[in-house]
PDB file of all heavy atoms in Angstrom:
ATOM      1  N   GLU A   1       6.154  -4.211 -12.995  1.00  0.00           N
ATOM      2  CA  GLU A   1       4.906  -4.799 -12.503  1.00  0.00           C
ATOM      3  C   GLU A   1       3.978  -3.740 -11.893  1.00  0.00           C
ATOM      4  O   GLU A   1       2.765  -3.770 -12.099  1.00  0.00           O
ATOM      5  CB  GLU A   1       5.226  -5.869 -11.472  1.00  0.00           C
ATOM      6  CG  GLU A   1       4.003  -6.616 -10.942  1.00  0.00           C
ATOM      7  CD  GLU A   1       4.363  -7.723  -9.974  1.00  0.00           C
ATOM      8  OE1 GLU A   1       5.536  -8.090  -9.896  1.00  0.00           O
ATOM      9  OE2 GLU A   1       3.452  -8.228  -9.291  1.00  0.00           O
ATOM     10  N   LYS A   2       4.554  -2.797 -11.141  1.00  0.00           N
ATOM     11  CA  LYS A   2       3.718  -1.774 -10.516  1.00  0.00           C
ATOM     12  C   LYS A   2       3.073  -0.870 -11.544  1.00  0.00           C
ATOM     13  O   LYS A   2       1.954  -0.379 -11.342  1.00  0.00           O
ATOM     14  CB  LYS A   2       4.546  -0.959  -9.538  1.00  0.00           C
ATOM     15  CG  LYS A   2       4.889  -1.721  -8.246  1.00  0.00           C
ATOM     16  CD  LYS A   2       5.559  -0.811  -7.238  1.00  0.00           C
ATOM     17  CE  LYS A   2       5.818  -1.572  -5.931  1.00  0.00           C
ATOM     18  NZ  LYS A   2       6.462  -0.701  -4.922  1.00  0.00           N
ATOM     19  N   ILE A   3       3.732  -0.682 -12.659  1.00  0.00           N
ATOM     20  CA  ILE A   3       3.160   0.152 -13.734  1.00  0.00           C
ATOM     21  C   ILE A   3       2.049  -0.587 -14.424  1.00  0.00           C
ATOM     22  O   ILE A   3       0.999  -0.020 -14.765  1.00  0.00           O
ATOM     23  CB  ILE A   3       4.255   0.572 -14.742  1.00  0.00           C
ATOM     24  CG1 ILE A   3       5.333   1.391 -14.042  1.00  0.00           C
ATOM     25  CG2 ILE A   3       3.624   1.335 -15.889  1.00  0.00           C
ATOM     26  CD1 ILE A   3       4.810   2.615 -13.340  1.00  0.00           C
ATOM     27  N   VAL A   4       2.227  -1.882 -14.635  1.00  0.00           N
ATOM     28  CA  VAL A   4       1.180  -2.713 -15.254  1.00  0.00           C
ATOM     29  C   VAL A   4      -0.079  -2.651 -14.378  1.00  0.00           C
ATOM     30  O   VAL A   4      -1.193  -2.469 -14.880  1.00  0.00           O
ATOM     31  CB  VAL A   4       1.631  -4.170 -15.426  1.00  0.00           C
ATOM     32  CG1 VAL A   4       0.465  -5.065 -15.883  1.00  0.00           C
ATOM     33  CG2 VAL A   4       2.782  -4.273 -16.430  1.00  0.00           C
ATOM     34  N   GLY A   5       0.124  -2.780 -13.084  1.00  0.00           N
ATOM     35  CA  GLY A   5      -1.008  -2.726 -12.148  1.00  0.00           C
ATOM     36  C   GLY A   5      -1.696  -1.372 -12.165  1.00  0.00           C
ATOM     37  O   GLY A   5      -2.932  -1.286 -12.162  1.00  0.00           O
ATOM     38  N   PHE A   6      -0.909  -0.302 -12.218  1.00  0.00           N
ATOM     39  CA  PHE A   6      -1.464   1.057 -12.219  1.00  0.00           C
ATOM     40  C   PHE A   6      -2.262   1.294 -13.510  1.00  0.00           C
ATOM     41  O   PHE A   6      -3.382   1.820 -13.479  1.00  0.00           O
ATOM     42  CB  PHE A   6      -0.323   2.083 -12.121  1.00  0.00           C
ATOM     43  CG  PHE A   6      -0.779   3.507 -12.087  1.00  0.00           C
ATOM     44  CD1 PHE A   6      -1.490   4.015 -11.019  1.00  0.00           C
ATOM     45  CD2 PHE A   6      -0.477   4.350 -13.163  1.00  0.00           C
ATOM     46  CE1 PHE A   6      -1.915   5.352 -10.997  1.00  0.00           C
ATOM     47  CE2 PHE A   6      -0.899   5.680 -13.147  1.00  0.00           C
ATOM     48  CZ  PHE A   6      -1.616   6.175 -12.053  1.00  0.00           C
ATOM     49  N   ARG A   7      -1.699   0.878 -14.634  1.00  0.00           N
ATOM     50  CA  ARG A   7      -2.421   1.046 -15.909  1.00  0.00           C
ATOM     51  C   ARG A   7      -3.713   0.251 -15.915  1.00  0.00           C
ATOM     52  O   ARG A   7      -4.746   0.742 -16.397  1.00  0.00           O
ATOM     53  CB  ARG A   7      -1.523   0.549 -17.047  1.00  0.00           C
ATOM     54  CG  ARG A   7      -0.345   1.441 -17.385  1.00  0.00           C
ATOM     55  CD  ARG A   7       0.538   0.771 -18.443  1.00  0.00           C
ATOM     56  NE  ARG A   7       1.622   1.619 -18.920  1.00  0.00           N
ATOM     57  CZ  ARG A   7       2.547   1.219 -19.793  1.00  0.00           C
ATOM     58  NH1 ARG A   7       2.479  -0.012 -20.282  1.00  0.00           N
ATOM     59  NH2 ARG A   7       3.490   2.048 -20.176  1.00  0.00           N
ATOM     60  N   ASN A   8      -3.694  -0.942 -15.366  1.00  0.00           N
ATOM     61  CA  ASN A   8      -4.906  -1.791 -15.329  1.00  0.00           C
ATOM     62  C   ASN A   8      -5.990  -1.163 -14.477  1.00  0.00           C
ATOM     63  O   ASN A   8      -7.186  -1.243 -14.802  1.00  0.00           O
ATOM     64  CB  ASN A   8      -4.564  -3.191 -14.825  1.00  0.00           C
ATOM     65  CG  ASN A   8      -3.819  -4.022 -15.842  1.00  0.00           C
ATOM     66  OD1 ASN A   8      -3.854  -3.730 -17.060  1.00  0.00           O
ATOM     67  ND2 ASN A   8      -3.101  -5.035 -15.391  1.00  0.00           N
ATOM     68  N   ARG A   9      -5.596  -0.547 -13.379  1.00  0.00           N
ATOM     69  CA  ARG A   9      -6.600   0.095 -12.494  1.00  0.00           C
ATOM     70  C   ARG A   9      -7.278   1.260 -13.229  1.00  0.00           C
ATOM     71  O   ARG A   9      -8.501   1.475 -13.081  1.00  0.00           O
ATOM     72  CB  ARG A   9      -5.929   0.590 -11.220  1.00  0.00           C
ATOM     73  CG  ARG A   9      -5.448  -0.542 -10.327  1.00  0.00           C
ATOM     74  CD  ARG A   9      -4.544  -0.045  -9.230  1.00  0.00           C
ATOM     75  NE  ARG A   9      -5.292   0.602  -8.168  1.00  0.00           N
ATOM     76  CZ  ARG A   9      -4.707   1.251  -7.144  1.00  0.00           C
ATOM     77  NH1 ARG A   9      -3.386   1.321  -7.076  1.00  0.00           N
ATOM     78  NH2 ARG A   9      -5.443   1.809  -6.227  1.00  0.00           N
ATOM     79  N   ILE A  10      -6.523   1.962 -14.034  1.00  0.00           N
ATOM     80  CA  ILE A  10      -7.113   3.055 -14.828  1.00  0.00           C
ATOM     81  C   ILE A  10      -8.029   2.479 -15.900  1.00  0.00           C
ATOM     82  O   ILE A  10      -9.143   2.932 -16.084  1.00  0.00           O
ATOM     83  CB  ILE A  10      -5.992   3.915 -15.469  1.00  0.00           C
ATOM     84  CG1 ILE A  10      -5.203   4.631 -14.408  1.00  0.00           C
ATOM     85  CG2 ILE A  10      -6.592   4.896 -16.469  1.00  0.00           C
ATOM     86  CD1 ILE A  10      -3.975   5.378 -14.923  1.00  0.00           C
ATOM     87  N   ALA A  11      -7.531   1.490 -16.627  1.00  0.00           N
ATOM     88  CA  ALA A  11      -8.291   0.884 -17.714  1.00  0.00           C
ATOM     89  C   ALA A  11      -9.608   0.274 -17.242  1.00  0.00           C
ATOM     90  O   ALA A  11     -10.628   0.354 -17.946  1.00  0.00           O
ATOM     91  CB  ALA A  11      -7.456  -0.181 -18.414  1.00  0.00           C
ATOM     92  N   ASN A  12      -9.602  -0.315 -16.047  1.00  0.00           N
ATOM     93  CA  ASN A  12     -10.772  -1.013 -15.545  1.00  0.00           C
ATOM     94  C   ASN A  12     -11.773  -0.095 -14.816  1.00  0.00           C
ATOM     95  O   ASN A  12     -12.874  -0.519 -14.490  1.00  0.00           O
ATOM     96  CB  ASN A  12     -10.352  -2.139 -14.580  1.00  0.00           C
ATOM     97  CG  ASN A  12      -9.593  -3.233 -15.312  1.00  0.00           C
ATOM     98  OD1 ASN A  12      -9.836  -3.480 -16.494  1.00  0.00           O
ATOM     99  ND2 ASN A  12      -8.685  -3.901 -14.619  1.00  0.00           N
ATOM    100  N   ALA A  13     -11.392   1.137 -14.591  1.00  0.00           N
ATOM    101  CA  ALA A  13     -12.276   2.094 -13.893  1.00  0.00           C
ATOM    102  C   ALA A  13     -13.297   2.694 -14.846  1.00  0.00           C
ATOM    103  O   ALA A  13     -13.010   2.874 -16.043  1.00  0.00           O
ATOM    104  CB  ALA A  13     -11.448   3.183 -13.244  1.00  0.00           C
ATOM    105  N   ASP A  14     -14.471   2.985 -14.325  1.00  0.00           N
ATOM    106  CA  ASP A  14     -15.496   3.658 -15.129  1.00  0.00           C
ATOM    107  C   ASP A  14     -15.217   5.156 -15.235  1.00  0.00           C
ATOM    108  O   ASP A  14     -15.802   5.847 -16.078  1.00  0.00           O
ATOM    109  CB  ASP A  14     -16.887   3.446 -14.505  1.00  0.00           C
ATOM    110  CG  ASP A  14     -17.299   1.985 -14.539  1.00  0.00           C
ATOM    111  OD1 ASP A  14     -17.227   1.386 -15.615  1.00  0.00           O
ATOM    112  OD2 ASP A  14     -17.695   1.471 -13.475  1.00  0.00           O
ATOM    113  N   GLY A  15     -14.357   5.639 -14.380  1.00  0.00           N
ATOM    114  CA  GLY A  15     -14.002   7.043 -14.384  1.00  0.00           C
ATOM    115  C   GLY A  15     -12.834   7.294 -13.429  1.00  0.00           C
ATOM    116  O   GLY A  15     -12.525   6.444 -12.581  1.00  0.00           O
ATOM    117  N   ILE A  16     -12.210   8.464 -13.558  1.00  0.00           N
ATOM    118  CA  ILE A  16     -11.045   8.831 -12.745  1.00  0.00           C
ATOM    119  C   ILE A  16     -11.288  10.178 -12.100  1.00  0.00           C
ATOM    120  O   ILE A  16     -11.858  11.079 -12.723  1.00  0.00           O
ATOM    121  CB  ILE A  16      -9.763   8.909 -13.604  1.00  0.00           C
ATOM    122  CG1 ILE A  16      -9.573   7.661 -14.442  1.00  0.00           C
ATOM    123  CG2 ILE A  16      -8.545   9.189 -12.746  1.00  0.00           C
ATOM    124  CD1 ILE A  16      -9.208   6.433 -13.684  1.00  0.00           C
ATOM    125  N   ILE A  17     -10.854  10.330 -10.865  1.00  0.00           N
ATOM    126  CA  ILE A  17     -10.809  11.637 -10.220  1.00  0.00           C
ATOM    127  C   ILE A  17      -9.381  11.876  -9.731  1.00  0.00           C
ATOM    128  O   ILE A  17      -8.857  11.079  -8.960  1.00  0.00           O
ATOM    129  CB  ILE A  17     -11.780  11.759  -9.033  1.00  0.00           C
ATOM    130  CG1 ILE A  17     -13.227  11.621  -9.527  1.00  0.00           C
ATOM    131  CG2 ILE A  17     -11.595  13.100  -8.314  1.00  0.00           C
ATOM    132  CD1 ILE A  17     -14.259  11.639  -8.381  1.00  0.00           C
ATOM    133  N   ILE A  18      -8.775  12.941 -10.214  1.00  0.00           N
ATOM    134  CA  ILE A  18      -7.433  13.320  -9.750  1.00  0.00           C
ATOM    135  C   ILE A  18      -7.579  14.508  -8.820  1.00  0.00           C
ATOM    136  O   ILE A  18      -8.218  15.505  -9.176  1.00  0.00           O
ATOM    137  CB  ILE A  18      -6.499  13.677 -10.928  1.00  0.00           C
ATOM    138  CG1 ILE A  18      -6.246  12.460 -11.824  1.00  0.00           C
ATOM    139  CG2 ILE A  18      -5.168  14.247 -10.396  1.00  0.00           C
ATOM    140  CD1 ILE A  18      -5.384  12.759 -13.027  1.00  0.00           C
ATOM    141  N   CYS A  19      -6.994  14.410  -7.643  1.00  0.00           N
ATOM    142  CA  CYS A  19      -6.985  15.519  -6.695  1.00  0.00           C
ATOM    143  C   CYS A  19      -5.539  15.767  -6.315  1.00  0.00           C
ATOM    144  O   CYS A  19      -4.866  14.877  -5.761  1.00  0.00           O
ATOM    145  CB  CYS A  19      -7.822  15.200  -5.469  1.00  0.00           C
ATOM    146  SG  CYS A  19      -8.074  16.613  -4.380  1.00  0.00           S
ATOM    147  N   THR A  20      -5.039  16.951  -6.587  1.00  0.00           N
ATOM    148  CA  THR A  20      -3.604  17.191  -6.453  1.00  0.00           C
ATOM    149  C   THR A  20      -3.317  18.620  -5.963  1.00  0.00           C
ATOM    150  O   THR A  20      -4.073  19.547  -6.224  1.00  0.00           O
ATOM    151  CB  THR A  20      -2.904  16.973  -7.801  1.00  0.00           C
ATOM    152  OG1 THR A  20      -1.503  17.188  -7.659  1.00  0.00           O
ATOM    153  CG2 THR A  20      -3.438  17.917  -8.874  1.00  0.00           C
ATOM    154  N   PRO A  21      -2.199  18.777  -5.263  1.00  0.00           N
ATOM    155  CA  PRO A  21      -1.747  20.129  -4.942  1.00  0.00           C
ATOM    156  C   PRO A  21      -0.942  20.702  -6.121  1.00  0.00           C
ATOM    157  O   PRO A  21      -0.732  20.015  -7.121  1.00  0.00           O
ATOM    158  CB  PRO A  21      -0.850  19.905  -3.717  1.00  0.00           C
ATOM    159  CG  PRO A  21      -0.263  18.556  -3.951  1.00  0.00           C
ATOM    160  CD  PRO A  21      -1.368  17.748  -4.618  1.00  0.00           C
ATOM    161  N   GLU A  22      -0.527  21.918  -5.965  1.00  0.00           N
ATOM    162  CA  GLU A  22       0.391  22.550  -6.910  1.00  0.00           C
ATOM    163  C   GLU A  22       1.741  22.653  -6.243  1.00  0.00           C
ATOM    164  O   GLU A  22       1.836  23.116  -5.100  1.00  0.00           O
ATOM    165  CB  GLU A  22      -0.138  23.952  -7.285  1.00  0.00           C
ATOM    166  CG  GLU A  22       0.816  24.759  -8.154  1.00  0.00           C
ATOM    167  CD  GLU A  22       0.361  26.203  -8.284  1.00  0.00           C
ATOM    168  OE1 GLU A  22       0.493  26.958  -7.287  1.00  0.00           O
ATOM    169  OE2 GLU A  22      -0.146  26.562  -9.371  1.00  0.00           O
ATOM    170  N   TYR A  23       2.778  22.189  -6.929  1.00  0.00           N
ATOM    171  CA  TYR A  23       4.147  22.320  -6.426  1.00  0.00           C
ATOM    172  C   TYR A  23       4.936  23.222  -7.376  1.00  0.00           C
ATOM    173  O   TYR A  23       5.111  22.864  -8.553  1.00  0.00           O
ATOM    174  CB  TYR A  23       4.838  20.966  -6.323  1.00  0.00           C
ATOM    175  CG  TYR A  23       4.329  20.063  -5.227  1.00  0.00           C
ATOM    176  CD1 TYR A  23       4.700  18.734  -5.182  1.00  0.00           C
ATOM    177  CD2 TYR A  23       3.507  20.530  -4.204  1.00  0.00           C
ATOM    178  CE1 TYR A  23       4.241  17.863  -4.190  1.00  0.00           C
ATOM    179  CE2 TYR A  23       3.052  19.706  -3.198  1.00  0.00           C
ATOM    180  CZ  TYR A  23       3.425  18.367  -3.208  1.00  0.00           C
ATOM    181  OH  TYR A  23       2.975  17.531  -2.191  1.00  0.00           O
ATOM    182  N   VAL A  24       5.417  24.345  -6.909  1.00  0.00           N
ATOM    183  CA  VAL A  24       6.251  25.265  -7.691  1.00  0.00           C
ATOM    184  C   VAL A  24       5.561  25.574  -9.034  1.00  0.00           C
ATOM    185  O   VAL A  24       6.137  25.375 -10.106  1.00  0.00           O
ATOM    186  CB  VAL A  24       7.674  24.724  -7.929  1.00  0.00           C
ATOM    187  CG1 VAL A  24       8.593  25.870  -8.371  1.00  0.00           C
ATOM    188  CG2 VAL A  24       8.230  24.079  -6.686  1.00  0.00           C
ATOM    189  N   PHE A  25       4.305  25.967  -8.978  1.00  0.00           N
ATOM    190  CA  PHE A  25       3.521  26.366 -10.150  1.00  0.00           C
ATOM    191  C   PHE A  25       3.306  25.225 -11.149  1.00  0.00           C
ATOM    192  O   PHE A  25       3.074  25.471 -12.342  1.00  0.00           O
ATOM    193  CB  PHE A  25       4.149  27.561 -10.853  1.00  0.00           C
ATOM    194  CG  PHE A  25       4.397  28.728  -9.953  1.00  0.00           C
ATOM    195  CD1 PHE A  25       5.699  29.094  -9.605  1.00  0.00           C
ATOM    196  CD2 PHE A  25       3.330  29.460  -9.429  1.00  0.00           C
ATOM    197  CE1 PHE A  25       5.926  30.168  -8.751  1.00  0.00           C
ATOM    198  CE2 PHE A  25       3.575  30.550  -8.570  1.00  0.00           C
ATOM    199  CZ  PHE A  25       4.866  30.884  -8.233  1.00  0.00           C
ATOM    200  N   SER A  26       3.361  23.992 -10.689  1.00  0.00           N
ATOM    201  CA  SER A  26       3.211  22.853 -11.581  1.00  0.00           C
ATOM    202  C   SER A  26       2.545  21.718 -10.821  1.00  0.00           C
ATOM    203  O   SER A  26       2.276  21.797  -9.620  1.00  0.00           O
ATOM    204  CB  SER A  26       4.589  22.405 -12.087  1.00  0.00           C
ATOM    205  OG  SER A  26       4.489  21.312 -12.971  1.00  0.00           O
ATOM    206  N   ILE A  27       2.240  20.615 -11.525  1.00  0.00           N
ATOM    207  CA  ILE A  27       1.723  19.440 -10.828  1.00  0.00           C
ATOM    208  C   ILE A  27       2.902  18.709 -10.186  1.00  0.00           C
ATOM    209  O   ILE A  27       4.057  18.844 -10.630  1.00  0.00           O
ATOM    210  CB  ILE A  27       0.939  18.495 -11.786  1.00  0.00           C
ATOM    211  CG1 ILE A  27       1.884  17.874 -12.850  1.00  0.00           C
ATOM    212  CG2 ILE A  27      -0.205  19.216 -12.428  1.00  0.00           C
ATOM    213  CD1 ILE A  27       1.244  16.808 -13.696  1.00  0.00           C
ATOM    214  N   PRO A  28       2.670  17.929  -9.130  1.00  0.00           N
ATOM    215  CA  PRO A  28       3.772  17.203  -8.469  1.00  0.00           C
ATOM    216  C   PRO A  28       4.481  16.251  -9.386  1.00  0.00           C
ATOM    217  O   PRO A  28       3.857  15.675 -10.307  1.00  0.00           O
ATOM    218  CB  PRO A  28       3.056  16.476  -7.334  1.00  0.00           C
ATOM    219  CG  PRO A  28       1.789  17.246  -7.099  1.00  0.00           C
ATOM    220  CD  PRO A  28       1.382  17.760  -8.440  1.00  0.00           C
ATOM    221  N   SER A  29       5.758  16.037  -9.153  1.00  0.00           N
ATOM    222  CA  SER A  29       6.557  15.155 -10.022  1.00  0.00           C
ATOM    223  C   SER A  29       6.050  13.729 -10.007  1.00  0.00           C
ATOM    224  O   SER A  29       6.079  13.032 -11.031  1.00  0.00           O
ATOM    225  CB  SER A  29       8.020  15.197  -9.589  1.00  0.00           C
ATOM    226  OG  SER A  29       8.181  14.769  -8.232  1.00  0.00           O
ATOM    227  N   GLY A  30       5.555  13.263  -8.858  1.00  0.00           N
ATOM    228  CA  GLY A  30       5.044  11.903  -8.772  1.00  0.00           C
ATOM    229  C   GLY A  30       3.824  11.681  -9.653  1.00  0.00           C
ATOM    230  O   GLY A  30       3.693  10.631 -10.287  1.00  0.00           O
ATOM    231  N   LEU A  31       2.955  12.674  -9.708  1.00  0.00           N
ATOM    232  CA  LEU A  31       1.760  12.576 -10.570  1.00  0.00           C
ATOM    233  C   LEU A  31       2.157  12.634 -12.034  1.00  0.00           C
ATOM    234  O   LEU A  31       1.649  11.851 -12.860  1.00  0.00           O
ATOM    235  CB  LEU A  31       0.795  13.713 -10.247  1.00  0.00           C
ATOM    236  CG  LEU A  31      -0.482  13.795 -11.110  1.00  0.00           C
ATOM    237  CD1 LEU A  31      -1.280  12.522 -11.024  1.00  0.00           C
ATOM    238  CD2 LEU A  31      -1.320  15.002 -10.669  1.00  0.00           C
ATOM    239  N   LYS A  32       3.069  13.519 -12.377  1.00  0.00           N
ATOM    240  CA  LYS A  32       3.537  13.632 -13.785  1.00  0.00           C
ATOM    241  C   LYS A  32       4.219  12.322 -14.207  1.00  0.00           C
ATOM    242  O   LYS A  32       4.010  11.857 -15.327  1.00  0.00           O
ATOM    243  CB  LYS A  32       4.517  14.789 -13.920  1.00  0.00           C
ATOM    244  CG  LYS A  32       4.853  15.116 -15.379  1.00  0.00           C
ATOM    245  CD  LYS A  32       5.636  16.411 -15.469  1.00  0.00           C
ATOM    246  CE  LYS A  32       5.814  16.830 -16.935  1.00  0.00           C
ATOM    247  NZ  LYS A  32       6.670  15.887 -17.679  1.00  0.00           N
ATOM    248  N   ASN A  33       4.999  11.749 -13.301  1.00  0.00           N
ATOM    249  CA  ASN A  33       5.659  10.474 -13.590  1.00  0.00           C
ATOM    250  C   ASN A  33       4.654   9.377 -13.882  1.00  0.00           C
ATOM    251  O   ASN A  33       4.780   8.613 -14.845  1.00  0.00           O
ATOM    252  CB  ASN A  33       6.544  10.088 -12.408  1.00  0.00           C
ATOM    253  CG  ASN A  33       7.268   8.766 -12.623  1.00  0.00           C
ATOM    254  OD1 ASN A  33       8.065   8.611 -13.518  1.00  0.00           O
ATOM    255  ND2 ASN A  33       6.967   7.808 -11.752  1.00  0.00           N
ATOM    256  N   ALA A  34       3.595   9.313 -13.077  1.00  0.00           N
ATOM    257  CA  ALA A  34       2.557   8.296 -13.250  1.00  0.00           C
ATOM    258  C   ALA A  34       1.852   8.459 -14.607  1.00  0.00           C
ATOM    259  O   ALA A  34       1.586   7.473 -15.301  1.00  0.00           O
ATOM    260  CB  ALA A  34       1.539   8.382 -12.112  1.00  0.00           C
ATOM    261  N   ILE A  35       1.552   9.693 -14.952  1.00  0.00           N
ATOM    262  CA  ILE A  35       0.873   9.949 -16.226  1.00  0.00           C
ATOM    263  C   ILE A  35       1.780   9.614 -17.404  1.00  0.00           C
ATOM    264  O   ILE A  35       1.359   9.030 -18.398  1.00  0.00           O
ATOM    265  CB  ILE A  35       0.408  11.420 -16.312  1.00  0.00           C
ATOM    266  CG1 ILE A  35      -0.631  11.708 -15.232  1.00  0.00           C
ATOM    267  CG2 ILE A  35      -0.165  11.747 -17.690  1.00  0.00           C
ATOM    268  CD1 ILE A  35      -0.997  13.168 -15.054  1.00  0.00           C
ATOM    269  N   GLU A  36       3.078   9.935 -17.278  1.00  0.00           N
ATOM    270  CA  GLU A  36       4.019   9.661 -18.351  1.00  0.00           C
ATOM    271  C   GLU A  36       4.080   8.168 -18.677  1.00  0.00           C
ATOM    272  O   GLU A  36       4.241   7.778 -19.839  1.00  0.00           O
ATOM    273  CB  GLU A  36       5.412  10.168 -17.978  1.00  0.00           C
ATOM    274  CG  GLU A  36       5.542  11.677 -18.094  1.00  0.00           C
ATOM    275  CD  GLU A  36       6.913  12.195 -17.663  1.00  0.00           C
ATOM    276  OE1 GLU A  36       7.584  11.486 -16.871  1.00  0.00           O
ATOM    277  OE2 GLU A  36       7.306  13.272 -18.119  1.00  0.00           O
ATOM    278  N   TRP A  37       3.951   7.322 -17.656  1.00  0.00           N
ATOM    279  CA  TRP A  37       3.945   5.875 -17.879  1.00  0.00           C
ATOM    280  C   TRP A  37       2.731   5.429 -18.712  1.00  0.00           C
ATOM    281  O   TRP A  37       2.746   4.321 -19.256  1.00  0.00           O
ATOM    282  CB  TRP A  37       3.938   5.129 -16.554  1.00  0.00           C
ATOM    283  CG  TRP A  37       5.289   4.954 -15.915  1.00  0.00           C
ATOM    284  CD1 TRP A  37       5.759   5.534 -14.765  1.00  0.00           C
ATOM    285  CD2 TRP A  37       6.366   4.108 -16.378  1.00  0.00           C
ATOM    286  NE1 TRP A  37       7.030   5.110 -14.494  1.00  0.00           N
ATOM    287  CE2 TRP A  37       7.431   4.229 -15.458  1.00  0.00           C
ATOM    288  CE3 TRP A  37       6.525   3.276 -17.485  1.00  0.00           C
ATOM    289  CZ2 TRP A  37       8.644   3.539 -15.623  1.00  0.00           C
ATOM    290  CZ3 TRP A  37       7.710   2.580 -17.637  1.00  0.00           C
ATOM    291  CH2 TRP A  37       8.766   2.713 -16.723  1.00  0.00           C
ATOM    292  N   CYS A  38       1.746   6.251 -18.810  1.00  0.00           N
ATOM    293  CA  CYS A  38       0.500   5.876 -19.522  1.00  0.00           C
ATOM    294  C   CYS A  38       0.366   6.519 -20.895  1.00  0.00           C
ATOM    295  O   CYS A  38      -0.548   6.176 -21.663  1.00  0.00           O
ATOM    296  CB  CYS A  38      -0.720   6.258 -18.678  1.00  0.00           C
ATOM    297  SG  CYS A  38      -0.771   5.438 -17.063  1.00  0.00           S
ATOM    298  N   VAL A  39       1.267   7.446 -21.228  1.00  0.00           N
ATOM    299  CA  VAL A  39       1.154   8.197 -22.474  1.00  0.00           C
ATOM    300  C   VAL A  39       1.205   7.291 -23.715  1.00  0.00           C
ATOM    301  O   VAL A  39       0.517   7.525 -24.707  1.00  0.00           O
ATOM    302  CB  VAL A  39       2.245   9.290 -22.549  1.00  0.00           C
ATOM    303  CG1 VAL A  39       2.301   9.908 -23.954  1.00  0.00           C
ATOM    304  CG2 VAL A  39       1.996  10.370 -21.510  1.00  0.00           C
ATOM    305  N   SER A  40       2.029   6.260 -23.656  1.00  0.00           N
ATOM    306  CA  SER A  40       2.180   5.365 -24.804  1.00  0.00           C
ATOM    307  C   SER A  40       1.050   4.368 -24.943  1.00  0.00           C
ATOM    308  O   SER A  40       1.018   3.563 -25.864  1.00  0.00           O
ATOM    309  CB  SER A  40       3.515   4.610 -24.721  1.00  0.00           C
ATOM    310  OG  SER A  40       3.528   3.762 -23.587  1.00  0.00           O
ATOM    311  N   THR A  41       0.098   4.405 -24.006  1.00  0.00           N
ATOM    312  CA  THR A  41      -1.053   3.485 -24.033  1.00  0.00           C
ATOM    313  C   THR A  41      -2.324   4.279 -24.335  1.00  0.00           C
ATOM    314  O   THR A  41      -2.266   5.480 -24.545  1.00  0.00           O
ATOM    315  CB  THR A  41      -1.221   2.779 -22.664  1.00  0.00           C
ATOM    316  OG1 THR A  41      -1.746   3.743 -21.714  1.00  0.00           O
ATOM    317  CG2 THR A  41       0.100   2.246 -22.151  1.00  0.00           C
ATOM    318  N   THR A  42      -3.431   3.577 -24.334  1.00  0.00           N
ATOM    319  CA  THR A  42      -4.728   4.259 -24.535  1.00  0.00           C
ATOM    320  C   THR A  42      -5.621   4.183 -23.293  1.00  0.00           C
ATOM    321  O   THR A  42      -6.831   4.357 -23.375  1.00  0.00           O
ATOM    322  CB  THR A  42      -5.479   3.599 -25.723  1.00  0.00           C
ATOM    323  OG1 THR A  42      -5.676   2.203 -25.465  1.00  0.00           O
ATOM    324  CG2 THR A  42      -4.699   3.768 -27.014  1.00  0.00           C
ATOM    325  N   VAL A  43      -5.013   3.905 -22.127  1.00  0.00           N
ATOM    326  CA  VAL A  43      -5.838   3.707 -20.932  1.00  0.00           C
ATOM    327  C   VAL A  43      -6.628   4.953 -20.523  1.00  0.00           C
ATOM    328  O   VAL A  43      -7.684   4.854 -19.904  1.00  0.00           O
ATOM    329  CB  VAL A  43      -4.981   3.225 -19.734  1.00  0.00           C
ATOM    330  CG1 VAL A  43      -4.414   1.840 -19.984  1.00  0.00           C
ATOM    331  CG2 VAL A  43      -3.863   4.220 -19.402  1.00  0.00           C
TER     332      VAL A  43
END
């Protein structure tokens, strides 16, 4: 359910702004996890 809600918030937005730190020369695992949930969609 939380993923459905997250995807819908992206789909319904006119635009997105991501603001993130760098963890160990990469993006944070939480952000990567969130994006991975959306890869199979077109949101």
